[in-house]
């Protein structure tokens, strides 16, 4: 079984992401995560049932509506919504989930792991991971 550092490395190296809880509000972490992944050169799909467009990109109401299956889903939503997200990931055949601090719950992590979904949780946010692992260039 992979340890957490191996999971982090594997997920950061992925090419396609979906950010569940993406936001058009620049002050929200859902916006920051979405923009940071794009800045790292990743293909990123925003997922939010209450938004239609974020930064000029189509926003999808749910995972099942995405035009392709992402390698990694990043959860930036409250724990009760994270728990409801897991069955959607299972149905879509998604095997990697990165839970931003504040999105995780023990029930969601247990459910994800029981269904073969590798989960990064209780650790760094994805923005910090991208920076510290060299996926974003530091300003000169």
Protein backbone atom coordinates (compact mmCIF):
# COMPACT_ATOMS: atom_id res chain seq x y z
CA UNK A 1 0.00 0.00 0.00
CA UNK A 2 1.23 3.48 -0.82
CA UNK A 3 2.18 5.77 2.02
CA UNK A 4 0.86 9.33 2.08
CA UNK A 5 4.00 10.82 0.49
CA UNK A 6 3.76 8.37 -2.43
CA UNK A 7 0.10 9.28 -2.91
CA UNK A 8 0.93 12.98 -2.88
CA UNK A 9 3.68 12.52 -5.48
CA UNK A 10 1.45 10.39 -7.71
CA UNK A 11 -1.47 12.82 -7.56
CA UNK A 12 0.65 15.92 -8.12
CA UNK A 13 2.12 14.27 -11.24
CA UNK A 14 -1.36 13.66 -12.69
CA UNK A 15 -2.50 15.57 -15.76
CA UNK A 16 -6.27 16.02 -15.28
CA UNK A 17 -8.11 17.28 -12.22
CA UNK A 18 -11.61 18.22 -11.18
CA UNK A 19 -12.10 20.71 -8.36
CA UNK A 20 -15.36 20.01 -6.56
CA UNK A 21 -16.30 23.23 -4.85
CA UNK A 22 -14.60 25.45 -7.43
CA UNK A 23 -15.72 29.04 -7.04
CA UNK A 24 -15.80 32.21 -9.11
CA UNK A 25 -14.99 34.19 -5.93
CA UNK A 26 -11.22 34.89 -5.86
CA UNK A 27 -11.28 34.90 -2.05
CA UNK A 28 -12.50 31.29 -1.80
CA UNK A 29 -10.17 28.29 -1.63
CA UNK A 30 -12.16 26.61 -4.39
CA UNK A 31 -11.10 29.43 -6.71
CA UNK A 32 -7.50 29.43 -5.50
CA UNK A 33 -7.13 25.65 -5.92
CA UNK A 34 -8.64 25.81 -9.42
CA UNK A 35 -6.38 28.68 -10.54
CA UNK A 36 -3.26 27.14 -8.97
CA UNK A 37 -3.78 23.82 -10.77
CA UNK A 38 -4.25 25.68 -14.05
CA UNK A 39 -1.09 27.72 -13.38
CA UNK A 40 0.76 24.41 -12.90
CA UNK A 41 -0.24 23.43 -16.44
CA UNK A 42 -2.88 20.90 -15.45
CA UNK A 43 -6.17 20.27 -17.27
CA UNK A 44 -8.73 21.30 -14.65
CA UNK A 45 -12.51 21.06 -14.62
CA UNK A 46 -14.48 23.18 -12.15
CA UNK A 47 -17.40 21.39 -10.49
CA UNK A 48 -20.07 23.40 -8.71
CA UNK A 49 -23.85 23.07 -9.17
CA UNK A 50 -24.41 26.79 -8.54
CA UNK A 51 -21.93 28.20 -11.08
CA UNK A 52 -22.04 28.13 -14.87
CA UNK A 53 -18.66 29.64 -15.74
CA UNK A 54 -15.45 30.18 -13.77
CA UNK A 55 -12.68 32.24 -15.34
CA UNK A 56 -14.28 31.73 -18.76
CA UNK A 57 -14.37 27.93 -18.36
CA UNK A 58 -17.54 25.86 -18.27
CA UNK A 59 -18.41 24.80 -14.75
CA UNK A 60 -20.02 21.38 -14.40
CA UNK A 61 -22.79 20.68 -11.89
CA UNK A 62 -21.53 17.20 -10.94
CA UNK A 63 -18.77 14.68 -11.63
CA UNK A 64 -20.96 12.68 -14.04
CA UNK A 65 -21.23 15.76 -16.31
CA UNK A 66 -17.47 16.11 -16.93
CA UNK A 67 -16.27 15.66 -20.53
CA UNK A 68 -13.56 13.23 -19.37
CA UNK A 69 -12.73 11.28 -16.23
CA UNK A 70 -10.12 13.21 -14.24
CA UNK A 71 -7.07 11.51 -12.76
CA UNK A 72 -7.67 13.29 -9.44
CA UNK A 73 -10.62 14.98 -7.78
CA UNK A 74 -9.83 17.78 -5.34
CA UNK A 75 -12.53 18.32 -2.72
CA UNK A 76 -12.99 21.86 -1.43
CA UNK A 77 -16.40 21.35 0.16
CA UNK A 78 -17.77 20.86 3.68
CA UNK A 79 -17.42 17.34 5.15
CA UNK A 80 -21.12 16.40 4.78
CA UNK A 81 -20.88 17.14 1.04
CA UNK A 82 -17.58 15.24 0.84
CA UNK A 83 -19.35 12.19 2.25
CA UNK A 84 -21.97 12.46 -0.52
CA UNK A 85 -19.21 12.86 -3.13
CA UNK A 86 -17.67 9.41 -2.60
CA UNK A 87 -20.45 7.42 -4.35
CA UNK A 88 -20.14 9.76 -7.36
CA UNK A 89 -16.41 9.01 -7.56
CA UNK A 90 -17.02 5.28 -7.32
CA UNK A 91 -19.64 5.46 -10.08
CA UNK A 92 -17.31 7.49 -12.31
CA UNK A 93 -14.36 5.13 -11.74
CA UNK A 94 -12.17 7.80 -10.14
CA UNK A 95 -9.33 6.40 -8.04
CA UNK A 96 -7.67 9.49 -6.50
CA UNK A 97 -9.10 12.08 -4.13
CA UNK A 98 -7.28 15.00 -2.52
CA UNK A 99 -9.24 16.52 0.35
CA UNK A 100 -8.35 20.07 1.15
CA UNK A 101 -8.03 20.86 4.87
CA UNK A 102 -11.54 21.33 6.19
CA UNK A 103 -13.16 19.06 3.58
CA UNK A 104 -12.20 15.77 5.16
CA UNK A 105 -14.22 13.59 7.48
CA UNK A 106 -13.33 10.20 8.89
CA UNK A 107 -16.46 8.71 7.30
CA UNK A 108 -15.58 10.04 3.83
CA UNK A 109 -11.97 8.84 4.04
CA UNK A 110 -13.07 5.39 5.27
CA UNK A 111 -15.70 5.10 2.53
CA UNK A 112 -13.26 6.24 -0.17
CA UNK A 113 -10.53 3.84 0.94
CA UNK A 114 -13.00 0.94 1.23
CA UNK A 115 -13.95 1.60 -2.40
CA UNK A 116 -10.36 1.66 -3.70
CA UNK A 117 -10.00 5.43 -3.85
CA UNK A 118 -6.56 6.60 -2.72
CA UNK A 119 -7.11 9.65 -0.54
CA UNK A 120 -4.81 12.47 0.51
CA UNK A 121 -6.20 13.97 3.71
CA UNK A 122 -5.21 15.61 6.98
CA UNK A 123 -2.15 17.07 5.33
CA UNK A 124 -1.04 19.80 2.98
CA UNK A 125 -3.40 21.65 0.72
CA UNK A 126 -2.85 20.99 -2.95
CA UNK A 127 -1.56 24.52 -3.55
CA UNK A 128 1.28 23.97 -1.06
CA UNK A 129 1.94 20.53 -2.56
CA UNK A 130 2.27 21.96 -6.05
CA UNK A 131 4.71 24.63 -4.86
CA UNK A 132 6.87 22.45 -2.65
CA UNK A 133 7.14 19.67 -5.25
CA UNK A 134 8.23 22.03 -8.02
CA UNK A 135 5.07 22.15 -10.16
CA UNK A 136 4.87 25.93 -9.85
CA UNK A 137 7.67 28.31 -10.59
CA UNK A 138 8.63 30.60 -7.78
CA UNK A 139 8.83 34.31 -8.57
CA UNK A 140 12.40 35.47 -9.28
